[in-house]
Amino acid sequence: ADGMTLVYTDSPLEALGFIDITDPANPEPAGIMGLGGEPTSVAV
């Protein structure tokens, strides 16, 4: 909601990925979280 973090689905890794866009011109990796299956969609 604050627009500072992106969450995306990563099908090959069966995970959600996170990106820190506090500075949107310099996005930073914020890690991944395994899900035990293929994520098809995500909403926040």
All heavy atoms as atom14 arrays in JSON, in Angstrom:
{
  "sequence": "ADGMTLVYTDSPLEALGFIDITDPANPEPAGIMGLGGEPTSVAV",
  "atom14_mask": [
    [1, 1, 1, 1, 1, 0, 0, 0, 0, 0, 0, 0, 0, 0],
    [1, 1, 1, 1, 1, 1, 1, 1, 0, 0, 0, 0, 0, 0],
    [1, 1, 1, 1, 0, 0, 0, 0, 0, 0, 0, 0, 0, 0],
    [1, 1, 1, 1, 1, 1, 1, 1, 0, 0, 0, 0, 0, 0],
    [1, 1, 1, 1, 1, 1, 1, 0, 0, 0, 0, 0, 0, 0],
    [1, 1, 1, 1, 1, 1, 1, 1, 0, 0, 0, 0, 0, 0],
    [1, 1, 1, 1, 1, 1, 1, 0, 0, 0, 0, 0, 0, 0],
    [1, 1, 1, 1, 1, 1, 1, 1, 1, 1, 1, 1, 0, 0],
    [1, 1, 1, 1, 1, 1, 1, 0, 0, 0, 0, 0, 0, 0],
    [1, 1, 1, 1, 1, 1, 1, 1, 0, 0, 0, 0, 0, 0],
    [1, 1, 1, 1, 1, 1, 0, 0, 0, 0, 0, 0, 0, 0],
    [1, 1, 1, 1, 1, 1, 1, 0, 0, 0, 0, 0, 0, 0],
    [1, 1, 1, 1, 1, 1, 1, 1, 0, 0, 0, 0, 0, 0],
    [1, 1, 1, 1, 1, 1, 1, 1, 1, 0, 0, 0, 0, 0],
    [1, 1, 1, 1, 1, 0, 0, 0, 0, 0, 0, 0, 0, 0],
    [1, 1, 1, 1, 1, 1, 1, 1, 0, 0, 0, 0, 0, 0],
    [1, 1, 1, 1, 0, 0, 0, 0, 0, 0, 0, 0, 0, 0],
    [1, 1, 1, 1, 1, 1, 1, 1, 1, 1, 1, 0, 0, 0],
    [1, 1, 1, 1, 1, 1, 1, 1, 0, 0, 0, 0, 0, 0],
    [1, 1, 1, 1, 1, 1, 1, 1, 0, 0, 0, 0, 0, 0],
    [1, 1, 1, 1, 1, 1, 1, 1, 0, 0, 0, 0, 0, 0],
    [1, 1, 1, 1, 1, 1, 1, 0, 0, 0, 0, 0, 0, 0],
    [1, 1, 1, 1, 1, 1, 1, 1, 0, 0, 0, 0, 0, 0],
    [1, 1, 1, 1, 1, 1, 1, 0, 0, 0, 0, 0, 0, 0],
    [1, 1, 1, 1, 1, 0, 0, 0, 0, 0, 0, 0, 0, 0],
    [1, 1, 1, 1, 1, 1, 1, 1, 0, 0, 0, 0, 0, 0],
    [1, 1, 1, 1, 1, 1, 1, 0, 0, 0, 0, 0, 0, 0],
    [1, 1, 1, 1, 1, 1, 1, 1, 1, 0, 0, 0, 0, 0],
    [1, 1, 1, 1, 1, 1, 1, 0, 0, 0, 0, 0, 0, 0],
    [1, 1, 1, 1, 1, 0, 0, 0, 0, 0, 0, 0, 0, 0],
    [1, 1, 1, 1, 0, 0, 0, 0, 0, 0, 0, 0, 0, 0],
    [1, 1, 1, 1, 1, 1, 1, 1, 0, 0, 0, 0, 0, 0],
    [1, 1, 1, 1, 1, 1, 1, 1, 0, 0, 0, 0, 0, 0],
    [1, 1, 1, 1, 0, 0, 0, 0, 0, 0, 0, 0, 0, 0],
    [1, 1, 1, 1, 1, 1, 1, 1, 0, 0, 0, 0, 0, 0],
    [1, 1, 1, 1, 0, 0, 0, 0, 0, 0, 0, 0, 0, 0],
    [1, 1, 1, 1, 0, 0, 0, 0, 0, 0, 0, 0, 0, 0],
    [1, 1, 1, 1, 1, 1, 1, 1, 1, 0, 0, 0, 0, 0],
    [1, 1, 1, 1, 1, 1, 1, 0, 0, 0, 0, 0, 0, 0],
    [1, 1, 1, 1, 1, 1, 1, 0, 0, 0, 0, 0, 0, 0],
    [1, 1, 1, 1, 1, 1, 0, 0, 0, 0, 0, 0, 0, 0],
    [1, 1, 1, 1, 1, 1, 1, 0, 0, 0, 0, 0, 0, 0],
    [1, 1, 1, 1, 1, 0, 0, 0, 0, 0, 0, 0, 0, 0],
    [1, 1, 1, 1, 1, 1, 1, 0, 0, 0, 0, 0, 0, 0]
  ],
  "atom14_positions": [
    [[0.81, -1.21, 0.0], [0.0, 0.0, 0.0], [0.85, 1.26, 0.0], [0.46, 2.28, -0.59], [-0.93, -0.01, 1.21], [0.0, 0.0, 0.0], [0.0, 0.0, 0.0], [0.0, 0.0, 0.0], [0.0, 0.0, 0.0], [0.0, 0.0, 0.0], [0.0, 0.0, 0.0], [0.0, 0.0, 0.0], [0.0, 0.0, 0.0], [0.0, 0.0, 0.0]],
    [[2.02, 1.21, 0.63], [2.88, 2.39, 0.65], [3.72, 2.51, -0.61], [4.46, 3.49, -0.77], [3.78, 2.4, 1.89], [4.73, 1.21, 1.94], [4.76, 0.4, 0.99], [5.46, 1.09, 2.95], [0.0, 0.0, 0.0], [0.0, 0.0, 0.0], [0.0, 0.0, 0.0], [0.0, 0.0, 0.0], [0.0, 0.0, 0.0], [0.0, 0.0, 0.0]],
    [[3.63, 1.52, -1.5], [4.36, 1.57, -2.76], [5.85, 1.38, -2.63], [6.6, 1.67, -3.57], [0.0, 0.0, 0.0], [0.0, 0.0, 0.0], [0.0, 0.0, 0.0], [0.0, 0.0, 0.0], [0.0, 0.0, 0.0], [0.0, 0.0, 0.0], [0.0, 0.0, 0.0], [0.0, 0.0, 0.0], [0.0, 0.0, 0.0], [0.0, 0.0, 0.0]],
    [[6.31, 0.84, -1.52], [7.75, 0.71, -1.28], [8.3, -0.69, -1.56], [9.51, -0.85, -1.68], [8.08, 1.1, 0.17], [7.75, 2.54, 0.5], [8.74, 3.71, -0.47], [8.06, 5.27, 0.13], [0.0, 0.0, 0.0], [0.0, 0.0, 0.0], [0.0, 0.0, 0.0], [0.0, 0.0, 0.0], [0.0, 0.0, 0.0], [0.0, 0.0, 0.0]],
    [[7.42, -1.67, -1.64], [7.86, -3.04, -1.86], [7.05, -3.69, -2.97], [5.82, -3.56, -3.0], [7.72, -3.89, -0.58], [8.46, -3.27, 0.47], [8.25, -5.31, -0.8], [0.0, 0.0, 0.0], [0.0, 0.0, 0.0], [0.0, 0.0, 0.0], [0.0, 0.0, 0.0], [0.0, 0.0, 0.0], [0.0, 0.0, 0.0], [0.0, 0.0, 0.0]],
    [[7.73, -4.37, -3.87], [7.08, -5.13, -4.93], [7.12, -6.61, -4.57], [8.1, -7.11, -3.99], [7.79, -4.92, -6.26], [7.86, -3.48, -6.78], [8.69, -3.42, -8.06], [6.46, -2.93, -7.02], [0.0, 0.0, 0.0], [0.0, 0.0, 0.0], [0.0, 0.0, 0.0], [0.0, 0.0, 0.0], [0.0, 0.0, 0.0], [0.0, 0.0, 0.0]],
    [[6.04, -7.31, -4.92], [5.94, -8.75, -4.71], [5.6, -9.38, -6.06], [4.66, -8.94, -6.73], [4.85, -9.11, -3.69], [4.87, -10.6, -3.39], [5.01, -8.3, -2.41], [0.0, 0.0, 0.0], [0.0, 0.0, 0.0], [0.0, 0.0, 0.0], [0.0, 0.0, 0.0], [0.0, 0.0, 0.0], [0.0, 0.0, 0.0], [0.0, 0.0, 0.0]],
    [[6.38, -10.38, -6.48], [6.14, -11.0, -7.8], [6.17, -12.52, -7.68], [6.78, -13.09, -6.76], [7.17, -10.53, -8.82], [8.6, -10.92, -8.51], [9.14, -12.13, -8.92], [9.42, -10.06, -7.77], [10.45, -12.49, -8.64], [10.74, -10.4, -7.47], [11.24, -11.63, -7.9], [12.53, -11.98, -7.6], [0.0, 0.0, 0.0], [0.0, 0.0, 0.0]],
    [[5.5, -13.17, -8.62], [5.51, -14.63, -8.67], [6.69, -15.1, -9.51], [6.98, -14.55, -10.57], [4.21, -15.18, -9.28], [4.06, -14.69, -10.62], [3.01, -14.76, -8.46], [0.0, 0.0, 0.0], [0.0, 0.0, 0.0], [0.0, 0.0, 0.0], [0.0, 0.0, 0.0], [0.0, 0.0, 0.0], [0.0, 0.0, 0.0], [0.0, 0.0, 0.0]],
    [[7.38, -16.11, -9.01], [8.5, -16.72, -9.72], [8.19, -18.2, -9.88], [8.44, -19.0, -8.97], [9.81, -16.51, -8.95], [11.04, -16.91, -9.76], [10.93, -17.86, -10.55], [12.09, -16.27, -9.59], [0.0, 0.0, 0.0], [0.0, 0.0, 0.0], [0.0, 0.0, 0.0], [0.0, 0.0, 0.0], [0.0, 0.0, 0.0], [0.0, 0.0, 0.0]],
    [[7.64, -18.56, -11.03], [7.19, -19.93, -11.25], [8.32, -20.95, -11.23], [8.2, -21.98, -10.58], [6.41, -20.01, -12.58], [6.02, -21.32, -12.86], [0.0, 0.0, 0.0], [0.0, 0.0, 0.0], [0.0, 0.0, 0.0], [0.0, 0.0, 0.0], [0.0, 0.0, 0.0], [0.0, 0.0, 0.0], [0.0, 0.0, 0.0], [0.0, 0.0, 0.0]],
    [[9.47, -20.71, -11.93], [10.53, -21.73, -11.92], [11.05, -22.03, -10.51], [11.41, -23.18, -10.23], [11.62, -21.1, -12.79], [10.91, -20.13, -13.67], [9.8, -19.6, -12.83], [0.0, 0.0, 0.0], [0.0, 0.0, 0.0], [0.0, 0.0, 0.0], [0.0, 0.0, 0.0], [0.0, 0.0, 0.0], [0.0, 0.0, 0.0], [0.0, 0.0, 0.0]],
    [[11.08, -21.02, -9.66], [11.58, -21.23, -8.3], [10.49, -21.61, -7.31], [10.78, -21.84, -6.13], [12.29, -19.97, -7.8], [13.56, -19.56, -8.55], [14.2, -18.35, -7.87], [14.56, -20.71, -8.62], [0.0, 0.0, 0.0], [0.0, 0.0, 0.0], [0.0, 0.0, 0.0], [0.0, 0.0, 0.0], [0.0, 0.0, 0.0], [0.0, 0.0, 0.0]],
    [[9.23, -21.65, -7.78], [8.09, -21.93, -6.91], [8.13, -21.03, -5.68], [8.08, -21.47, -4.53], [8.06, -23.41, -6.5], [7.87, -24.35, -7.68], [7.6, -25.78, -7.26], [7.86, -26.13, -6.09], [7.1, -26.56, -8.1], [0.0, 0.0, 0.0], [0.0, 0.0, 0.0], [0.0, 0.0, 0.0], [0.0, 0.0, 0.0], [0.0, 0.0, 0.0]],
    [[8.22, -19.72, -5.97], [8.44, -18.77, -4.88], [7.79, -17.43, -5.18], [7.42, -17.13, -6.32], [9.95, -18.56, -4.68], [0.0, 0.0, 0.0], [0.0, 0.0, 0.0], [0.0, 0.0, 0.0], [0.0, 0.0, 0.0], [0.0, 0.0, 0.0], [0.0, 0.0, 0.0], [0.0, 0.0, 0.0], [0.0, 0.0, 0.0], [0.0, 0.0, 0.0]],
    [[7.65, -16.63, -4.13], [7.38, -15.21, -4.27], [8.69, -14.47, -4.11], [9.53, -14.82, -3.27], [6.4, -14.72, -3.19], [4.95, -15.18, -3.27], [4.14, -14.57, -2.12], [4.32, -14.79, -4.62], [0.0, 0.0, 0.0], [0.0, 0.0, 0.0], [0.0, 0.0, 0.0], [0.0, 0.0, 0.0], [0.0, 0.0, 0.0], [0.0, 0.0, 0.0]],
    [[8.87, -13.44, -4.94], [10.06, -12.61, -4.84], [9.68, -11.23, -4.35], [8.54, -10.77, -4.54], [0.0, 0.0, 0.0], [0.0, 0.0, 0.0], [0.0, 0.0, 0.0], [0.0, 0.0, 0.0], [0.0, 0.0, 0.0], [0.0, 0.0, 0.0], [0.0, 0.0, 0.0], [0.0, 0.0, 0.0], [0.0, 0.0, 0.0], [0.0, 0.0, 0.0]],
    [[10.63, -10.55, -3.73], [10.38, -9.23, -3.14], [11.46, -8.25, -3.6], [12.65, -8.61, -3.66], [10.37, -9.33, -1.61], [9.38, -10.32, -1.07], [9.74, -11.66, -0.91], [8.09, -9.94, -0.74], [8.84, -12.6, -0.42], [7.17, -10.87, -0.26], [7.54, -12.2, -0.1], [0.0, 0.0, 0.0], [0.0, 0.0, 0.0], [0.0, 0.0, 0.0]],
    [[11.05, -7.03, -3.9], [11.97, -5.99, -4.34], [11.71, -4.73, -3.54], [10.56, -4.28, -3.43], [11.81, -5.68, -5.84], [11.92, -6.95, -6.68], [12.85, -4.66, -6.3], [11.55, -6.75, -8.15], [0.0, 0.0, 0.0], [0.0, 0.0, 0.0], [0.0, 0.0, 0.0], [0.0, 0.0, 0.0], [0.0, 0.0, 0.0], [0.0, 0.0, 0.0]],
    [[12.76, -4.16, -3.0], [12.67, -2.9, -2.25], [12.82, -1.75, -3.24], [13.86, -1.59, -3.88], [13.79, -2.86, -1.21], [13.79, -1.58, -0.37], [13.02, -0.65, -0.69], [14.57, -1.52, 0.59], [0.0, 0.0, 0.0], [0.0, 0.0, 0.0], [0.0, 0.0, 0.0], [0.0, 0.0, 0.0], [0.0, 0.0, 0.0], [0.0, 0.0, 0.0]],
    [[11.75, -0.95, -3.38], [11.82, 0.2, -4.29], [11.65, 1.51, -3.5], [11.07, 2.47, -4.0], [10.79, 0.11, -5.43], [9.35, -0.02, -4.89], [11.13, -1.02, -6.37], [8.29, 0.21, -5.96], [0.0, 0.0, 0.0], [0.0, 0.0, 0.0], [0.0, 0.0, 0.0], [0.0, 0.0, 0.0], [0.0, 0.0, 0.0], [0.0, 0.0, 0.0]],
    [[12.2, 1.52, -2.29], [12.22, 2.77, -1.53], [12.81, 3.88, -2.4], [12.29, 4.99, -2.45], [13.03, 2.59, -0.24], [12.47, 1.53, 0.53], [13.03, 3.88, 0.57], [0.0, 0.0, 0.0], [0.0, 0.0, 0.0], [0.0, 0.0, 0.0], [0.0, 0.0, 0.0], [0.0, 0.0, 0.0], [0.0, 0.0, 0.0], [0.0, 0.0, 0.0]],
    [[13.9, 3.57, -3.08], [14.43, 4.42, -4.13], [14.12, 3.73, -5.45], [14.82, 2.78, -5.83], [15.94, 4.61, -3.96], [16.55, 5.47, -5.07], [15.81, 5.9, -5.98], [17.77, 5.69, -5.03], [0.0, 0.0, 0.0], [0.0, 0.0, 0.0], [0.0, 0.0, 0.0], [0.0, 0.0, 0.0], [0.0, 0.0, 0.0], [0.0, 0.0, 0.0]],
    [[13.09, 4.16, -6.17], [12.67, 3.41, -7.35], [13.7, 3.4, -8.47], [13.67, 2.52, -9.33], [11.39, 4.12, -7.78], [11.49, 5.48, -7.2], [12.23, 5.33, -5.92], [0.0, 0.0, 0.0], [0.0, 0.0, 0.0], [0.0, 0.0, 0.0], [0.0, 0.0, 0.0], [0.0, 0.0, 0.0], [0.0, 0.0, 0.0], [0.0, 0.0, 0.0]],
    [[14.6, 4.37, -8.45], [15.65, 4.4, -9.47], [16.77, 3.42, -9.16], [17.62, 3.15, -10.02], [16.21, 5.81, -9.61], [0.0, 0.0, 0.0], [0.0, 0.0, 0.0], [0.0, 0.0, 0.0], [0.0, 0.0, 0.0], [0.0, 0.0, 0.0], [0.0, 0.0, 0.0], [0.0, 0.0, 0.0], [0.0, 0.0, 0.0], [0.0, 0.0, 0.0]],
    [[16.76, 2.88, -7.95], [17.78, 1.92, -7.54], [17.14, 0.78, -6.76], [17.31, 0.66, -5.54], [18.84, 2.61, -6.68], [19.64, 3.63, -7.45], [20.51, 3.29, -8.25], [19.33, 4.91, -7.25], [0.0, 0.0, 0.0], [0.0, 0.0, 0.0], [0.0, 0.0, 0.0], [0.0, 0.0, 0.0], [0.0, 0.0, 0.0], [0.0, 0.0, 0.0]],
    [[16.37, -0.07, -7.43], [15.69, -1.17, -6.74], [16.7, -2.15, -6.14], [17.76, -2.4, -6.72], [14.86, -1.82, -7.85], [15.54, -1.44, -9.13], [16.12, -0.08, -8.89], [0.0, 0.0, 0.0], [0.0, 0.0, 0.0], [0.0, 0.0, 0.0], [0.0, 0.0, 0.0], [0.0, 0.0, 0.0], [0.0, 0.0, 0.0], [0.0, 0.0, 0.0]],
    [[16.34, -2.7, -4.99], [17.23, -3.61, -4.29], [16.55, -4.96, -4.06], [15.35, -5.02, -3.79], [17.61, -3.02, -2.92], [18.43, -1.74, -2.99], [19.84, -1.98, -3.48], [20.3, -3.15, -3.41], [20.48, -1.01, -3.92], [0.0, 0.0, 0.0], [0.0, 0.0, 0.0], [0.0, 0.0, 0.0], [0.0, 0.0, 0.0], [0.0, 0.0, 0.0]],
    [[17.33, -6.05, -4.16], [16.74, -7.38, -3.88], [16.32, -7.48, -2.43], [17.04, -7.04, -1.53], [17.89, -8.34, -4.21], [19.14, -7.52, -4.08], [18.75, -6.13, -4.5], [0.0, 0.0, 0.0], [0.0, 0.0, 0.0], [0.0, 0.0, 0.0], [0.0, 0.0, 0.0], [0.0, 0.0, 0.0], [0.0, 0.0, 0.0], [0.0, 0.0, 0.0]],
    [[15.14, -8.05, -2.2], [14.62, -8.19, -0.83], [14.3, -9.63, -0.49], [13.6, -9.91, 0.48], [13.4, -7.3, -0.63], [0.0, 0.0, 0.0], [0.0, 0.0, 0.0], [0.0, 0.0, 0.0], [0.0, 0.0, 0.0], [0.0, 0.0, 0.0], [0.0, 0.0, 0.0], [0.0, 0.0, 0.0], [0.0, 0.0, 0.0], [0.0, 0.0, 0.0]],
    [[14.77, -10.58, -1.32], [14.65, -11.98, -0.99], [13.51, -12.7, -1.68], [12.7, -12.1, -2.39], [0.0, 0.0, 0.0], [0.0, 0.0, 0.0], [0.0, 0.0, 0.0], [0.0, 0.0, 0.0], [0.0, 0.0, 0.0], [0.0, 0.0, 0.0], [0.0, 0.0, 0.0], [0.0, 0.0, 0.0], [0.0, 0.0, 0.0], [0.0, 0.0, 0.0]],
    [[13.46, -14.01, -1.48], [12.39, -14.85, -2.02], [11.87, -15.74, -0.9], [12.56, -16.02, 0.08], [12.86, -15.71, -3.21], [13.98, -16.68, -2.78], [13.29, -14.85, -4.37], [14.33, -17.69, -3.84], [0.0, 0.0, 0.0], [0.0, 0.0, 0.0], [0.0, 0.0, 0.0], [0.0, 0.0, 0.0], [0.0, 0.0, 0.0], [0.0, 0.0, 0.0]],
    [[10.64, -16.22, -1.11], [10.02, -17.13, -0.15], [9.43, -18.31, -0.9], [8.56, -18.14, -1.76], [8.91, -16.4, 0.62], [8.14, -17.3, 1.58], [6.8, -16.4, 2.4], [5.9, -17.77, 3.15], [0.0, 0.0, 0.0], [0.0, 0.0, 0.0], [0.0, 0.0, 0.0], [0.0, 0.0, 0.0], [0.0, 0.0, 0.0], [0.0, 0.0, 0.0]],
    [[9.93, -19.5, -0.63], [9.43, -20.7, -1.28], [8.01, -21.01, -0.87], [7.6, -20.76, 0.28], [0.0, 0.0, 0.0], [0.0, 0.0, 0.0], [0.0, 0.0, 0.0], [0.0, 0.0, 0.0], [0.0, 0.0, 0.0], [0.0, 0.0, 0.0], [0.0, 0.0, 0.0], [0.0, 0.0, 0.0], [0.0, 0.0, 0.0], [0.0, 0.0, 0.0]],
    [[7.24, -21.6, -1.81], [5.81, -21.86, -1.57], [5.44, -23.33, -1.67], [4.31, -23.7, -1.35], [4.97, -21.06, -2.57], [5.09, -19.53, -2.49], [4.3, -18.89, -3.62], [4.6, -19.03, -1.14], [0.0, 0.0, 0.0], [0.0, 0.0, 0.0], [0.0, 0.0, 0.0], [0.0, 0.0, 0.0], [0.0, 0.0, 0.0], [0.0, 0.0, 0.0]],
    [[6.34, -24.16, -2.16], [6.01, -25.58, -2.28], [5.09, -25.89, -3.43], [4.46, -26.94, -3.47], [0.0, 0.0, 0.0], [0.0, 0.0, 0.0], [0.0, 0.0, 0.0], [0.0, 0.0, 0.0], [0.0, 0.0, 0.0], [0.0, 0.0, 0.0], [0.0, 0.0, 0.0], [0.0, 0.0, 0.0], [0.0, 0.0, 0.0], [0.0, 0.0, 0.0]],
    [[5.0, -24.99, -4.37], [4.18, -25.17, -5.56], [4.37, -23.97, -6.47], [5.05, -23.0, -6.12], [0.0, 0.0, 0.0], [0.0, 0.0, 0.0], [0.0, 0.0, 0.0], [0.0, 0.0, 0.0], [0.0, 0.0, 0.0], [0.0, 0.0, 0.0], [0.0, 0.0, 0.0], [0.0, 0.0, 0.0], [0.0, 0.0, 0.0], [0.0, 0.0, 0.0]],
    [[3.75, -24.02, -7.63], [3.93, -22.96, -8.63], [2.97, -21.81, -8.37], [1.75, -21.97, -8.46], [3.66, -23.52, -10.02], [3.7, -22.46, -11.11], [3.04, -22.93, -12.4], [2.45, -24.03, -12.41], [3.1, -22.17, -13.38], [0.0, 0.0, 0.0], [0.0, 0.0, 0.0], [0.0, 0.0, 0.0], [0.0, 0.0, 0.0], [0.0, 0.0, 0.0]],
    [[3.48, -20.61, -8.05], [2.57, -19.47, -7.87], [2.05, -19.01, -9.22], [2.81, -18.87, -10.18], [3.46, -18.41, -7.23], [4.84, -18.73, -7.73], [4.89, -20.22, -7.86], [0.0, 0.0, 0.0], [0.0, 0.0, 0.0], [0.0, 0.0, 0.0], [0.0, 0.0, 0.0], [0.0, 0.0, 0.0], [0.0, 0.0, 0.0], [0.0, 0.0, 0.0]],
    [[0.75, -18.79, -9.3], [0.15, -18.37, -10.56], [-0.25, -16.91, -10.57], [-0.38, -16.31, -11.63], [-1.1, -19.22, -10.85], [-2.05, -19.04, -9.79], [-0.74, -20.69, -10.98], [0.0, 0.0, 0.0], [0.0, 0.0, 0.0], [0.0, 0.0, 0.0], [0.0, 0.0, 0.0], [0.0, 0.0, 0.0], [0.0, 0.0, 0.0], [0.0, 0.0, 0.0]],
    [[-0.44, -16.33, -9.39], [-0.86, -14.93, -9.32], [-0.65, -14.45, -7.89], [-0.57, -15.26, -6.95], [-2.33, -14.77, -9.72], [-2.71, -13.41, -9.74], [0.0, 0.0, 0.0], [0.0, 0.0, 0.0], [0.0, 0.0, 0.0], [0.0, 0.0, 0.0], [0.0, 0.0, 0.0], [0.0, 0.0, 0.0], [0.0, 0.0, 0.0], [0.0, 0.0, 0.0]],
    [[-0.56, -13.13, -7.73], [-0.42, -12.55, -6.4], [-1.13, -11.22, -6.36], [-1.16, -10.48, -7.35], [1.07, -12.4, -6.0], [1.78, -11.39, -6.9], [1.21, -12.02, -4.54], [0.0, 0.0, 0.0], [0.0, 0.0, 0.0], [0.0, 0.0, 0.0], [0.0, 0.0, 0.0], [0.0, 0.0, 0.0], [0.0, 0.0, 0.0], [0.0, 0.0, 0.0]],
    [[-1.73, -10.92, -5.22], [-2.36, -9.62, -4.98], [-2.0, -9.21, -3.55], [-1.65, -10.06, -2.72], [-3.87, -9.7, -5.15], [0.0, 0.0, 0.0], [0.0, 0.0, 0.0], [0.0, 0.0, 0.0], [0.0, 0.0, 0.0], [0.0, 0.0, 0.0], [0.0, 0.0, 0.0], [0.0, 0.0, 0.0], [0.0, 0.0, 0.0], [0.0, 0.0, 0.0]],
    [[-2.07, -7.93, -3.27], [-1.64, -7.41, -1.97], [-2.75, -6.58, -1.34], [-3.41, -5.78, -2.02], [-0.36, -6.57, -2.11], [-0.05, -5.82, -0.81], [0.82, -7.44, -2.5], [0.0, 0.0, 0.0], [0.0, 0.0, 0.0], [0.0, 0.0, 0.0], [0.0, 0.0, 0.0], [0.0, 0.0, 0.0], [0.0, 0.0, 0.0], [0.0, 0.0, 0.0]]
  ]
}
